[in-house]
Amino acid sequence: ILSGGAKKRREAIEFYDKNNRPELAQ
């Protein structure tokens, strides 16, 4: 459960960084 949550956050960070959304990535 915890690893899955962490993985989702990492993927979201990568997505937001690629799409120039630093506030959401933060």
mmCIF file of all heavy atoms, coordinates in Angstrom:
data_MODEL
# 
_entry.id   MODEL 
# 
loop_
_atom_site.group_PDB 
_atom_site.id 
_atom_site.type_symbol 
_atom_site.label_atom_id 
_atom_site.label_alt_id 
_atom_site.label_comp_id 
_atom_site.label_asym_id 
_atom_site.label_entity_id 
_atom_site.label_seq_id 
_atom_site.pdbx_PDB_ins_code 
_atom_site.Cartn_x 
_atom_site.Cartn_y 
_atom_site.Cartn_z 
_atom_site.occupancy 
_atom_site.B_iso_or_equiv 
_atom_site.pdbx_formal_charge 
_atom_site.auth_seq_id 
_atom_site.auth_comp_id 
_atom_site.auth_asym_id 
_atom_site.auth_atom_id 
_atom_site.pdbx_PDB_model_num 
ATOM 1   N N   . ILE A 1 1  ? 0.839  -1.203 0.000   1.00 0.00 ? 1  ILE A N   1 
ATOM 2   C CA  . ILE A 1 1  ? 0.000  0.000  0.000   1.00 0.00 ? 1  ILE A CA  1 
ATOM 3   C C   . ILE A 1 1  ? 0.873  1.252  0.000   1.00 0.00 ? 1  ILE A C   1 
ATOM 4   O O   . ILE A 1 1  ? 0.666  2.174  -0.793  1.00 0.00 ? 1  ILE A O   1 
ATOM 5   C CB  . ILE A 1 1  ? -0.971 -0.010 1.204   1.00 0.00 ? 1  ILE A CB  1 
ATOM 6   C CG1 . ILE A 1 1  ? -2.055 -1.070 0.988   1.00 0.00 ? 1  ILE A CG1 1 
ATOM 7   C CG2 . ILE A 1 1  ? -1.601 1.366  1.405   1.00 0.00 ? 1  ILE A CG2 1 
ATOM 8   C CD1 . ILE A 1 1  ? -2.933 -1.331 2.196   1.00 0.00 ? 1  ILE A CD1 1 
ATOM 9   N N   . LEU A 1 2  ? 1.865  1.279  0.882   1.00 0.00 ? 2  LEU A N   1 
ATOM 10  C CA  . LEU A 1 2  ? 2.743  2.445  0.970   1.00 0.00 ? 2  LEU A CA  1 
ATOM 11  C C   . LEU A 1 2  ? 3.601  2.594  -0.286  1.00 0.00 ? 2  LEU A C   1 
ATOM 12  O O   . LEU A 1 2  ? 3.756  3.697  -0.814  1.00 0.00 ? 2  LEU A O   1 
ATOM 13  C CB  . LEU A 1 2  ? 3.632  2.339  2.206   1.00 0.00 ? 2  LEU A CB  1 
ATOM 14  C CG  . LEU A 1 2  ? 2.905  2.453  3.542   1.00 0.00 ? 2  LEU A CG  1 
ATOM 15  C CD1 . LEU A 1 2  ? 3.831  2.089  4.691   1.00 0.00 ? 2  LEU A CD1 1 
ATOM 16  C CD2 . LEU A 1 2  ? 2.322  3.835  3.732   1.00 0.00 ? 2  LEU A CD2 1 
ATOM 17  N N   . SER A 1 3  ? 4.138  1.494  -0.780  1.00 0.00 ? 3  SER A N   1 
ATOM 18  C CA  . SER A 1 3  ? 4.958  1.544  -1.998  1.00 0.00 ? 3  SER A CA  1 
ATOM 19  C C   . SER A 1 3  ? 4.129  1.990  -3.194  1.00 0.00 ? 3  SER A C   1 
ATOM 20  O O   . SER A 1 3  ? 4.604  2.741  -4.045  1.00 0.00 ? 3  SER A O   1 
ATOM 21  C CB  . SER A 1 3  ? 5.579  0.176  -2.286  1.00 0.00 ? 3  SER A CB  1 
ATOM 22  O OG  . SER A 1 3  ? 6.462  -0.187 -1.269  1.00 0.00 ? 3  SER A OG  1 
ATOM 23  N N   . GLY A 1 4  ? 2.896  1.517  -3.258  1.00 0.00 ? 4  GLY A N   1 
ATOM 24  C CA  . GLY A 1 4  ? 2.005  1.924  -4.348  1.00 0.00 ? 4  GLY A CA  1 
ATOM 25  C C   . GLY A 1 4  ? 1.726  3.421  -4.313  1.00 0.00 ? 4  GLY A C   1 
ATOM 26  O O   . GLY A 1 4  ? 1.742  4.096  -5.344  1.00 0.00 ? 4  GLY A O   1 
ATOM 27  N N   . GLY A 1 5  ? 1.488  3.941  -3.113  1.00 0.00 ? 5  GLY A N   1 
ATOM 28  C CA  . GLY A 1 5  ? 1.276  5.383  -2.965  1.00 0.00 ? 5  GLY A CA  1 
ATOM 29  C C   . GLY A 1 5  ? 2.503  6.181  -3.357  1.00 0.00 ? 5  GLY A C   1 
ATOM 30  O O   . GLY A 1 5  ? 2.404  7.216  -4.031  1.00 0.00 ? 5  GLY A O   1 
ATOM 31  N N   . ALA A 1 6  ? 3.679  5.689  -2.959  1.00 0.00 ? 6  ALA A N   1 
ATOM 32  C CA  . ALA A 1 6  ? 4.927  6.377  -3.308  1.00 0.00 ? 6  ALA A CA  1 
ATOM 33  C C   . ALA A 1 6  ? 5.153  6.338  -4.815  1.00 0.00 ? 6  ALA A C   1 
ATOM 34  O O   . ALA A 1 6  ? 5.559  7.341  -5.421  1.00 0.00 ? 6  ALA A O   1 
ATOM 35  C CB  . ALA A 1 6  ? 6.096  5.741  -2.577  1.00 0.00 ? 6  ALA A CB  1 
ATOM 36  N N   . LYS A 1 7  ? 4.867  5.201  -5.421  1.00 0.00 ? 7  LYS A N   1 
ATOM 37  C CA  . LYS A 1 7  ? 5.055  5.066  -6.874  1.00 0.00 ? 7  LYS A CA  1 
ATOM 38  C C   . LYS A 1 7  ? 4.137  6.032  -7.634  1.00 0.00 ? 7  LYS A C   1 
ATOM 39  O O   . LYS A 1 7  ? 4.558  6.677  -8.591  1.00 0.00 ? 7  LYS A O   1 
ATOM 40  C CB  . LYS A 1 7  ? 4.771  3.628  -7.305  1.00 0.00 ? 7  LYS A CB  1 
ATOM 41  C CG  . LYS A 1 7  ? 4.982  3.394  -8.783  1.00 0.00 ? 7  LYS A CG  1 
ATOM 42  C CD  . LYS A 1 7  ? 4.710  1.956  -9.170  1.00 0.00 ? 7  LYS A CD  1 
ATOM 43  C CE  . LYS A 1 7  ? 4.910  1.773  -10.662 1.00 0.00 ? 7  LYS A CE  1 
ATOM 44  N NZ  . LYS A 1 7  ? 4.571  0.416  -11.083 1.00 0.00 ? 7  LYS A NZ  1 
ATOM 45  N N   . LYS A 1 8  ? 2.898  6.145  -7.188  1.00 0.00 ? 8  LYS A N   1 
ATOM 46  C CA  . LYS A 1 8  ? 1.959  7.078  -7.829  1.00 0.00 ? 8  LYS A CA  1 
ATOM 47  C C   . LYS A 1 8  ? 2.479  8.505  -7.744  1.00 0.00 ? 8  LYS A C   1 
ATOM 48  O O   . LYS A 1 8  ? 2.390  9.270  -8.708  1.00 0.00 ? 8  LYS A O   1 
ATOM 49  C CB  . LYS A 1 8  ? 0.580  6.999  -7.165  1.00 0.00 ? 8  LYS A CB  1 
ATOM 50  C CG  . LYS A 1 8  ? -0.186 5.768  -7.506  1.00 0.00 ? 8  LYS A CG  1 
ATOM 51  C CD  . LYS A 1 8  ? -1.511 5.741  -6.761  1.00 0.00 ? 8  LYS A CD  1 
ATOM 52  C CE  . LYS A 1 8  ? -2.199 4.410  -6.932  1.00 0.00 ? 8  LYS A CE  1 
ATOM 53  N NZ  . LYS A 1 8  ? -3.402 4.286  -6.106  1.00 0.00 ? 8  LYS A NZ  1 
ATOM 54  N N   . ARG A 1 9  ? 3.025  8.855  -6.582  1.00 0.00 ? 9  ARG A N   1 
ATOM 55  C CA  . ARG A 1 9  ? 3.547  10.222 -6.418  1.00 0.00 ? 9  ARG A CA  1 
ATOM 56  C C   . ARG A 1 9  ? 4.750  10.455 -7.324  1.00 0.00 ? 9  ARG A C   1 
ATOM 57  O O   . ARG A 1 9  ? 4.871  11.503 -7.948  1.00 0.00 ? 9  ARG A O   1 
ATOM 58  C CB  . ARG A 1 9  ? 3.967  10.467 -4.965  1.00 0.00 ? 9  ARG A CB  1 
ATOM 59  C CG  . ARG A 1 9  ? 2.901  10.664 -3.878  1.00 0.00 ? 9  ARG A CG  1 
ATOM 60  C CD  . ARG A 1 9  ? 1.493  10.734 -4.282  1.00 0.00 ? 9  ARG A CD  1 
ATOM 61  N NE  . ARG A 1 9  ? 0.528  10.949 -3.246  1.00 0.00 ? 9  ARG A NE  1 
ATOM 62  C CZ  . ARG A 1 9  ? -0.213 9.994  -2.687  1.00 0.00 ? 9  ARG A CZ  1 
ATOM 63  N NH1 . ARG A 1 9  ? -0.066 8.730  -3.008  1.00 0.00 ? 9  ARG A NH1 1 
ATOM 64  N NH2 . ARG A 1 9  ? -1.148 10.308 -1.798  1.00 0.00 ? 9  ARG A NH2 1 
ATOM 65  N N   . ARG A 1 10 ? 5.660  9.461  -7.415  1.00 0.00 ? 10 ARG A N   1 
ATOM 66  C CA  . ARG A 1 10 ? 6.837  9.611  -8.292  1.00 0.00 ? 10 ARG A CA  1 
ATOM 67  C C   . ARG A 1 10 ? 6.418  9.793  -9.749  1.00 0.00 ? 10 ARG A C   1 
ATOM 68  O O   . ARG A 1 10 ? 6.982  10.621 -10.468 1.00 0.00 ? 10 ARG A O   1 
ATOM 69  C CB  . ARG A 1 10 ? 7.754  8.395  -8.171  1.00 0.00 ? 10 ARG A CB  1 
ATOM 70  C CG  . ARG A 1 10 ? 8.595  8.399  -6.932  1.00 0.00 ? 10 ARG A CG  1 
ATOM 71  C CD  . ARG A 1 10 ? 9.645  7.289  -6.958  1.00 0.00 ? 10 ARG A CD  1 
ATOM 72  N NE  . ARG A 1 10 ? 10.047 6.985  -5.613  1.00 0.00 ? 10 ARG A NE  1 
ATOM 73  C CZ  . ARG A 1 10 ? 9.570  5.972  -4.885  1.00 0.00 ? 10 ARG A CZ  1 
ATOM 74  N NH1 . ARG A 1 10 ? 8.698  5.135  -5.389  1.00 0.00 ? 10 ARG A NH1 1 
ATOM 75  N NH2 . ARG A 1 10 ? 9.982  5.795  -3.653  1.00 0.00 ? 10 ARG A NH2 1 
ATOM 76  N N   . GLU A 1 11 ? 5.447  9.001  -10.185 1.00 0.00 ? 11 GLU A N   1 
ATOM 77  C CA  . GLU A 1 11 ? 4.967  9.103  -11.567 1.00 0.00 ? 11 GLU A CA  1 
ATOM 78  C C   . GLU A 1 11 ? 4.323  10.465 -11.806 1.00 0.00 ? 11 GLU A C   1 
ATOM 79  O O   . GLU A 1 11 ? 4.508  11.068 -12.861 1.00 0.00 ? 11 GLU A O   1 
ATOM 80  C CB  . GLU A 1 11 ? 3.985  7.975  -11.874 1.00 0.00 ? 11 GLU A CB  1 
ATOM 81  C CG  . GLU A 1 11 ? 4.653  6.623  -11.964 1.00 0.00 ? 11 GLU A CG  1 
ATOM 82  C CD  . GLU A 1 11 ? 3.671  5.463  -12.040 1.00 0.00 ? 11 GLU A CD  1 
ATOM 83  O OE1 . GLU A 1 11 ? 2.442  5.683  -11.893 1.00 0.00 ? 11 GLU A OE1 1 
ATOM 84  O OE2 . GLU A 1 11 ? 4.136  4.329  -12.243 1.00 0.00 ? 11 GLU A OE2 1 
ATOM 85  N N   . ALA A 1 12 ? 3.570  10.952 -10.837 1.00 0.00 ? 12 ALA A N   1 
ATOM 86  C CA  . ALA A 1 12 ? 2.932  12.259 -10.968 1.00 0.00 ? 12 ALA A CA  1 
ATOM 87  C C   . ALA A 1 12 ? 3.981  13.368 -11.023 1.00 0.00 ? 12 ALA A C   1 
ATOM 88  O O   . ALA A 1 12 ? 3.856  14.310 -11.820 1.00 0.00 ? 12 ALA A O   1 
ATOM 89  C CB  . ALA A 1 12 ? 1.968  12.499 -9.807  1.00 0.00 ? 12 ALA A CB  1 
ATOM 90  N N   . ILE A 1 13 ? 5.023  13.249 -10.201 1.00 0.00 ? 13 ILE A N   1 
ATOM 91  C CA  . ILE A 1 13 ? 6.098  14.250 -10.214 1.00 0.00 ? 13 ILE A CA  1 
ATOM 92  C C   . ILE A 1 13 ? 6.736  14.290 -11.593 1.00 0.00 ? 13 ILE A C   1 
ATOM 93  O O   . ILE A 1 13 ? 6.944  15.371 -12.162 1.00 0.00 ? 13 ILE A O   1 
ATOM 94  C CB  . ILE A 1 13 ? 7.159  13.934 -9.127  1.00 0.00 ? 13 ILE A CB  1 
ATOM 95  C CG1 . ILE A 1 13 ? 6.571  14.173 -7.736  1.00 0.00 ? 13 ILE A CG1 1 
ATOM 96  C CG2 . ILE A 1 13 ? 8.420  14.762 -9.336  1.00 0.00 ? 13 ILE A CG2 1 
ATOM 97  C CD1 . ILE A 1 13 ? 7.411  13.594 -6.599  1.00 0.00 ? 13 ILE A CD1 1 
ATOM 98  N N   . GLU A 1 14 ? 7.038  13.120 -12.130 1.00 0.00 ? 14 GLU A N   1 
ATOM 99  C CA  . GLU A 1 14 ? 7.649  13.041 -13.459 1.00 0.00 ? 14 GLU A CA  1 
ATOM 100 C C   . GLU A 1 14 ? 6.738  13.670 -14.516 1.00 0.00 ? 14 GLU A C   1 
ATOM 101 O O   . GLU A 1 14 ? 7.178  14.453 -15.359 1.00 0.00 ? 14 GLU A O   1 
ATOM 102 C CB  . GLU A 1 14 ? 7.921  11.570 -13.796 1.00 0.00 ? 14 GLU A CB  1 
ATOM 103 C CG  . GLU A 1 14 ? 8.713  11.347 -15.048 1.00 0.00 ? 14 GLU A CG  1 
ATOM 104 C CD  . GLU A 1 14 ? 9.008  9.872  -15.265 1.00 0.00 ? 14 GLU A CD  1 
ATOM 105 O OE1 . GLU A 1 14 ? 9.322  9.159  -14.293 1.00 0.00 ? 14 GLU A OE1 1 
ATOM 106 O OE2 . GLU A 1 14 ? 8.909  9.445  -16.432 1.00 0.00 ? 14 GLU A OE2 1 
ATOM 107 N N   . PHE A 1 15 ? 5.452  13.357 -14.449 1.00 0.00 ? 15 PHE A N   1 
ATOM 108 C CA  . PHE A 1 15 ? 4.477  13.894 -15.405 1.00 0.00 ? 15 PHE A CA  1 
ATOM 109 C C   . PHE A 1 15 ? 4.384  15.416 -15.299 1.00 0.00 ? 15 PHE A C   1 
ATOM 110 O O   . PHE A 1 15 ? 4.432  16.119 -16.307 1.00 0.00 ? 15 PHE A O   1 
ATOM 111 C CB  . PHE A 1 15 ? 3.108  13.263 -15.155 1.00 0.00 ? 15 PHE A CB  1 
ATOM 112 C CG  . PHE A 1 15 ? 2.025  13.803 -16.037 1.00 0.00 ? 15 PHE A CG  1 
ATOM 113 C CD1 . PHE A 1 15 ? 1.897  13.386 -17.343 1.00 0.00 ? 15 PHE A CD1 1 
ATOM 114 C CD2 . PHE A 1 15 ? 1.122  14.745 -15.550 1.00 0.00 ? 15 PHE A CD2 1 
ATOM 115 C CE1 . PHE A 1 15 ? 0.897  13.880 -18.167 1.00 0.00 ? 15 PHE A CE1 1 
ATOM 116 C CE2 . PHE A 1 15 ? 0.127  15.255 -16.358 1.00 0.00 ? 15 PHE A CE2 1 
ATOM 117 C CZ  . PHE A 1 15 ? 0.012  14.819 -17.671 1.00 0.00 ? 15 PHE A CZ  1 
ATOM 118 N N   . TYR A 1 16 ? 4.261  15.920 -14.080 1.00 0.00 ? 16 TYR A N   1 
ATOM 119 C CA  . TYR A 1 16 ? 4.130  17.372 -13.896 1.00 0.00 ? 16 TYR A CA  1 
ATOM 120 C C   . TYR A 1 16 ? 5.403  18.118 -14.288 1.00 0.00 ? 16 TYR A C   1 
ATOM 121 O O   . TYR A 1 16 ? 5.341  19.219 -14.833 1.00 0.00 ? 16 TYR A O   1 
ATOM 122 C CB  . TYR A 1 16 ? 3.745  17.705 -12.453 1.00 0.00 ? 16 TYR A CB  1 
ATOM 123 C CG  . TYR A 1 16 ? 2.338  17.283 -12.096 1.00 0.00 ? 16 TYR A CG  1 
ATOM 124 C CD1 . TYR A 1 16 ? 2.058  16.713 -10.858 1.00 0.00 ? 16 TYR A CD1 1 
ATOM 125 C CD2 . TYR A 1 16 ? 1.283  17.453 -12.989 1.00 0.00 ? 16 TYR A CD2 1 
ATOM 126 C CE1 . TYR A 1 16 ? 0.763  16.329 -10.522 1.00 0.00 ? 16 TYR A CE1 1 
ATOM 127 C CE2 . TYR A 1 16 ? -0.012 17.065 -12.659 1.00 0.00 ? 16 TYR A CE2 1 
ATOM 128 C CZ  . TYR A 1 16 ? -0.255 16.511 -11.430 1.00 0.00 ? 16 TYR A CZ  1 
ATOM 129 O OH  . TYR A 1 16 ? -1.534 16.132 -11.098 1.00 0.00 ? 16 TYR A OH  1 
ATOM 130 N N   . ASP A 1 17 ? 6.563  17.513 -14.005 1.00 0.00 ? 17 ASP A N   1 
ATOM 131 C CA  . ASP A 1 17 ? 7.819  18.144 -14.423 1.00 0.00 ? 17 ASP A CA  1 
ATOM 132 C C   . ASP A 1 17 ? 7.907  18.229 -15.946 1.00 0.00 ? 17 ASP A C   1 
ATOM 133 O O   . ASP A 1 17 ? 8.344  19.243 -16.487 1.00 0.00 ? 17 ASP A O   1 
ATOM 134 C CB  . ASP A 1 17 ? 9.028  17.386 -13.865 1.00 0.00 ? 17 ASP A CB  1 
ATOM 135 C CG  . ASP A 1 17 ? 9.268  17.676 -12.389 1.00 0.00 ? 17 ASP A CG  1 
ATOM 136 O OD1 . ASP A 1 17 ? 8.741  18.705 -11.898 1.00 0.00 ? 17 ASP A OD1 1 
ATOM 137 O OD2 . ASP A 1 17 ? 9.972  16.882 -11.740 1.00 0.00 ? 17 ASP A OD2 1 
ATOM 138 N N   . LYS A 1 18 ? 7.502  17.169 -16.636 1.00 0.00 ? 18 LYS A N   1 
ATOM 139 C CA  . LYS A 1 18 ? 7.546  17.165 -18.102 1.00 0.00 ? 18 LYS A CA  1 
ATOM 140 C C   . LYS A 1 18 ? 6.597  18.191 -18.701 1.00 0.00 ? 18 LYS A C   1 
ATOM 141 O O   . LYS A 1 18 ? 6.855  18.740 -19.762 1.00 0.00 ? 18 LYS A O   1 
ATOM 142 C CB  . LYS A 1 18 ? 7.162  15.783 -18.650 1.00 0.00 ? 18 LYS A CB  1 
ATOM 143 C CG  . LYS A 1 18 ? 8.255  14.762 -18.563 1.00 0.00 ? 18 LYS A CG  1 
ATOM 144 C CD  . LYS A 1 18 ? 7.803  13.452 -19.163 1.00 0.00 ? 18 LYS A CD  1 
ATOM 145 C CE  . LYS A 1 18 ? 8.867  12.398 -19.012 1.00 0.00 ? 18 LYS A CE  1 
ATOM 146 N NZ  . LYS A 1 18 ? 8.391  11.087 -19.489 1.00 0.00 ? 18 LYS A NZ  1 
ATOM 147 N N   . ASN A 1 19 ? 5.482  18.428 -18.018 1.00 0.00 ? 19 ASN A N   1 
ATOM 148 C CA  . ASN A 1 19 ? 4.465  19.322 -18.541 1.00 0.00 ? 19 ASN A CA  1 
ATOM 149 C C   . ASN A 1 19 ? 4.515  20.713 -17.919 1.00 0.00 ? 19 ASN A C   1 
ATOM 150 O O   . ASN A 1 19 ? 3.527  21.453 -17.957 1.00 0.00 ? 19 ASN A O   1 
ATOM 151 C CB  . ASN A 1 19 ? 3.077  18.694 -18.366 1.00 0.00 ? 19 ASN A CB  1 
ATOM 152 C CG  . ASN A 1 19 ? 2.915  17.505 -19.266 1.00 0.00 ? 19 ASN A CG  1 
ATOM 153 O OD1 . ASN A 1 19 ? 2.912  17.635 -20.480 1.00 0.00 ? 19 ASN A OD1 1 
ATOM 154 N ND2 . ASN A 1 19 ? 2.819  16.321 -18.679 1.00 0.00 ? 19 ASN A ND2 1 
ATOM 155 N N   . ASN A 1 20 ? 5.659  21.049 -17.341 1.00 0.00 ? 20 ASN A N   1 
ATOM 156 C CA  . ASN A 1 20 ? 5.902  22.389 -16.814 1.00 0.00 ? 20 ASN A CA  1 
ATOM 157 C C   . ASN A 1 20 ? 4.848  22.843 -15.806 1.00 0.00 ? 20 ASN A C   1 
ATOM 158 O O   . ASN A 1 20 ? 4.274  23.923 -15.930 1.00 0.00 ? 20 ASN A O   1 
ATOM 159 C CB  . ASN A 1 20 ? 6.035  23.399 -17.968 1.00 0.00 ? 20 ASN A CB  1 
ATOM 160 C CG  . ASN A 1 20 ? 6.700  24.671 -17.514 1.00 0.00 ? 20 ASN A CG  1 
ATOM 161 O OD1 . ASN A 1 20 ? 7.481  24.670 -16.572 1.00 0.00 ? 20 ASN A OD1 1 
ATOM 162 N ND2 . ASN A 1 20 ? 6.389  25.770 -18.181 1.00 0.00 ? 20 ASN A ND2 1 
ATOM 163 N N   . ARG A 1 21 ? 4.604  21.984 -14.812 1.00 0.00 ? 21 ARG A N   1 
ATOM 164 C CA  . ARG A 1 21 ? 3.663  22.309 -13.734 1.00 0.00 ? 21 ARG A CA  1 
ATOM 165 C C   . ARG A 1 21 ? 4.378  22.171 -12.391 1.00 0.00 ? 21 ARG A C   1 
ATOM 166 O O   . ARG A 1 21 ? 4.121  21.253 -11.614 1.00 0.00 ? 21 ARG A O   1 
ATOM 167 C CB  . ARG A 1 21 ? 2.454  21.372 -13.775 1.00 0.00 ? 21 ARG A CB  1 
ATOM 168 C CG  . ARG A 1 21 ? 1.594  21.447 -15.027 1.00 0.00 ? 21 ARG A CG  1 
ATOM 169 C CD  . ARG A 1 21 ? 0.925  22.800 -15.240 1.00 0.00 ? 21 ARG A CD  1 
ATOM 170 N NE  . ARG A 1 21 ? 0.154  23.289 -14.131 1.00 0.00 ? 21 ARG A NE  1 
ATOM 171 C CZ  . ARG A 1 21 ? -1.154 23.126 -13.973 1.00 0.00 ? 21 ARG A CZ  1 
ATOM 172 N NH1 . ARG A 1 21 ? -1.848 22.482 -14.869 1.00 0.00 ? 21 ARG A NH1 1 
ATOM 173 N NH2 . ARG A 1 21 ? -1.763 23.622 -12.918 1.00 0.00 ? 21 ARG A NH2 1 
ATOM 174 N N   . PRO A 1 22 ? 5.320  23.079 -12.108 1.00 0.00 ? 22 PRO A N   1 
ATOM 175 C CA  . PRO A 1 22 ? 6.143  22.939 -10.900 1.00 0.00 ? 22 PRO A CA  1 
ATOM 176 C C   . PRO A 1 22 ? 5.352  22.990 -9.596  1.00 0.00 ? 22 PRO A C   1 
ATOM 177 O O   . PRO A 1 22 ? 5.727  22.332 -8.621  1.00 0.00 ? 22 PRO A O   1 
ATOM 178 C CB  . PRO A 1 22 ? 7.126  24.104 -11.002 1.00 0.00 ? 22 PRO A CB  1 
ATOM 179 C CG  . PRO A 1 22 ? 6.488  25.077 -11.932 1.00 0.00 ? 22 PRO A CG  1 
ATOM 180 C CD  . PRO A 1 22 ? 5.645  24.274 -12.873 1.00 0.00 ? 22 PRO A CD  1 
ATOM 181 N N   . GLU A 1 23 ? 4.251  23.738 -9.568  1.00 0.00 ? 23 GLU A N   1 
ATOM 182 C CA  . GLU A 1 23 ? 3.476  23.831 -8.325  1.00 0.00 ? 23 GLU A CA  1 
ATOM 183 C C   . GLU A 1 23 ? 2.814  22.497 -7.980  1.00 0.00 ? 23 GLU A C   1 
ATOM 184 O O   . GLU A 1 23 ? 2.763  22.092 -6.819  1.00 0.00 ? 23 GLU A O   1 
ATOM 185 C CB  . GLU A 1 23 ? 2.433  24.959 -8.407  1.00 0.00 ? 23 GLU A CB  1 
ATOM 186 C CG  . GLU A 1 23 ? 1.269  24.733 -9.358  1.00 0.00 ? 23 GLU A CG  1 
ATOM 187 C CD  . GLU A 1 23 ? 1.577  24.873 -10.854 1.00 0.00 ? 23 GLU A CD  1 
ATOM 188 O OE1 . GLU A 1 23 ? 2.680  25.299 -11.216 1.00 0.00 ? 23 GLU A OE1 1 
ATOM 189 O OE2 . GLU A 1 23 ? 0.679  24.555 -11.664 1.00 0.00 ? 23 GLU A OE2 1 
ATOM 190 N N   . LEU A 1 24 ? 2.336  21.771 -8.997  1.00 0.00 ? 24 LEU A N   1 
ATOM 191 C CA  . LEU A 1 24 ? 1.726  20.462 -8.755  1.00 0.00 ? 24 LEU A CA  1 
ATOM 192 C C   . LEU A 1 24 ? 2.804  19.423 -8.428  1.00 0.00 ? 24 LEU A C   1 
ATOM 193 O O   . LEU A 1 24 ? 2.591  18.560 -7.580  1.00 0.00 ? 24 LEU A O   1 
ATOM 194 C CB  . LEU A 1 24 ? 0.904  20.031 -9.966  1.00 0.00 ? 24 LEU A CB  1 
ATOM 195 C CG  . LEU A 1 24 ? -0.323 20.898 -10.272 1.00 0.00 ? 24 LEU A CG  1 
ATOM 196 C CD1 . LEU A 1 24 ? -0.987 20.467 -11.570 1.00 0.00 ? 24 LEU A CD1 1 
ATOM 197 C CD2 . LEU A 1 24 ? -1.313 20.845 -9.119  1.00 0.00 ? 24 LEU A CD2 1 
ATOM 198 N N   . ALA A 1 25 ? 3.942  19.521 -9.096  1.00 0.00 ? 25 ALA A N   1 
ATOM 199 C CA  . ALA A 1 25 ? 5.051  18.602 -8.822  1.00 0.00 ? 25 ALA A CA  1 
ATOM 200 C C   . ALA A 1 25 ? 5.520  18.771 -7.375  1.00 0.00 ? 25 ALA A C   1 
ATOM 201 O O   . ALA A 1 25 ? 5.820  17.786 -6.688  1.00 0.00 ? 25 ALA A O   1 
ATOM 202 C CB  . ALA A 1 25 ? 6.194  18.841 -9.795  1.00 0.00 ? 25 ALA A CB  1 
ATOM 203 N N   . GLN A 1 26 ? 5.570  20.009 -6.902  1.00 0.00 ? 26 GLN A N   1 
ATOM 204 C CA  . GLN A 1 26 ? 6.006  20.269 -5.528  1.00 0.00 ? 26 GLN A CA  1 
ATOM 205 C C   . GLN A 1 26 ? 5.046  19.651 -4.513  1.00 0.00 ? 26 GLN A C   1 
ATOM 206 O O   . GLN A 1 26 ? 5.475  19.072 -3.516  1.00 0.00 ? 26 GLN A O   1 
ATOM 207 C CB  . GLN A 1 26 ? 6.147  21.783 -5.286  1.00 0.00 ? 26 GLN A CB  1 
ATOM 208 C CG  . GLN A 1 26 ? 6.621  22.143 -3.900  1.00 0.00 ? 26 GLN A CG  1 
ATOM 209 C CD  . GLN A 1 26 ? 7.956  21.517 -3.532  1.00 0.00 ? 26 GLN A CD  1 
ATOM 210 O OE1 . GLN A 1 26 ? 8.831  21.339 -4.375  1.00 0.00 ? 26 GLN A OE1 1 
ATOM 211 N NE2 . GLN A 1 26 ? 8.110  21.154 -2.276  1.00 0.00 ? 26 GLN A NE2 1 
# 
